[in-house]
Amino acid sequence: MLTLKNSVSAFSRRLQAGSAYFAGRQLSTYSEASLFVPAGKHRAVFGANFLTDRFQETDATTRPAIIAT
């Protein structure tokens, strides 16, 4: 029996601490394939997986204005 699985996630983050600012977007994927092979009294499972991860920092022009108090 052949089994295939896949997962995709997208994430955006913005952090500001004092005058430091960071923002970015991340796209991650996970794929998996496994093969179950019965062989008499024994069973064998073969498999492989594939991961991707792409992070892109957003442009500095999207930085929010810092208000002095």
Protein backbone atom coordinates (compact mmCIF):
# COMPACT_ATOMS: atom_id res chain seq x y z
CA MET A 1 0.00 0.00 0.00
CA LEU A 2 1.33 3.42 -1.02
CA THR A 3 0.60 6.44 1.21
CA LEU A 4 1.21 10.07 0.24
CA LYS A 5 0.94 13.09 2.57
CA ASN A 6 1.50 16.80 2.09
CA SER A 7 1.27 19.90 4.28
CA VAL A 8 1.67 23.60 3.43
CA SER A 9 1.81 26.50 5.88
CA ALA A 10 2.16 30.26 5.40
CA PHE A 11 3.08 32.63 8.19
CA SER A 12 3.58 36.41 8.48
CA ARG A 13 5.32 38.09 11.40
CA ARG A 14 5.99 41.66 12.51
CA LEU A 15 8.06 42.46 15.58
CA GLN A 16 8.96 45.84 17.03
CA ALA A 17 11.00 46.29 20.20
CA GLY A 18 12.09 49.85 20.85
CA SER A 19 13.70 51.12 17.65
CA ALA A 20 14.29 47.63 16.25
CA TYR A 21 11.80 46.41 13.64
CA PHE A 22 11.56 43.09 11.80
CA ALA A 23 8.92 41.72 9.44
CA GLY A 24 8.78 38.79 7.07
CA ARG A 25 6.77 36.03 5.42
CA GLN A 26 7.45 32.30 5.54
CA LEU A 27 6.15 29.48 3.35
CA SER A 28 6.91 25.89 4.40
CA THR A 29 5.98 22.54 2.87
CA TYR A 30 6.30 18.93 4.01
CA SER A 31 5.73 15.94 1.72
CA GLU A 32 5.98 12.27 2.59
CA ALA A 33 5.63 8.98 0.74
CA SER A 34 5.63 5.54 2.34
CA LEU A 35 5.24 2.06 0.95
CA PHE A 36 3.99 -0.84 3.11
CA VAL A 37 5.11 -4.26 1.82
CA PRO A 38 3.83 -7.45 3.50
CA ALA A 39 6.26 -10.36 3.02
CA GLY A 40 4.99 -13.58 4.62
CA LYS A 41 5.33 -13.26 8.39
CA HIS A 42 7.24 -10.00 8.00
CA ARG A 43 6.26 -6.46 7.12
CA ALA A 44 8.47 -3.76 5.60
CA VAL A 45 7.88 -0.03 5.37
CA PHE A 46 9.93 2.16 3.04
CA GLY A 47 9.59 5.91 3.01
CA ALA A 48 10.97 9.29 2.12
CA ASN A 49 10.16 12.89 2.95
CA PHE A 50 10.86 16.29 1.42
CA LEU A 51 10.91 19.63 3.25
CA THR A 52 11.00 23.18 1.88
CA ASP A 53 11.20 26.46 3.74
CA ARG A 54 11.20 29.91 2.16
CA PHE A 55 11.55 33.03 4.28
CA GLN A 56 11.36 36.49 2.76
CA GLU A 57 11.96 39.62 4.80
CA THR A 58 9.49 42.35 3.85
CA ASP A 59 10.60 45.61 2.32
CA ALA A 60 11.84 48.33 4.69
CA THR A 61 9.19 50.71 3.30
CA THR A 62 6.51 48.74 5.18
CA ARG A 63 8.06 49.80 8.51
CA PRO A 64 5.49 51.57 10.70
CA ALA A 65 6.19 55.07 11.93
CA ILE A 66 7.75 55.23 15.41
CA ILE A 67 6.05 57.82 17.59
CA ALA A 68 8.30 59.65 20.05
CA THR A 69 6.78 60.30 23.47
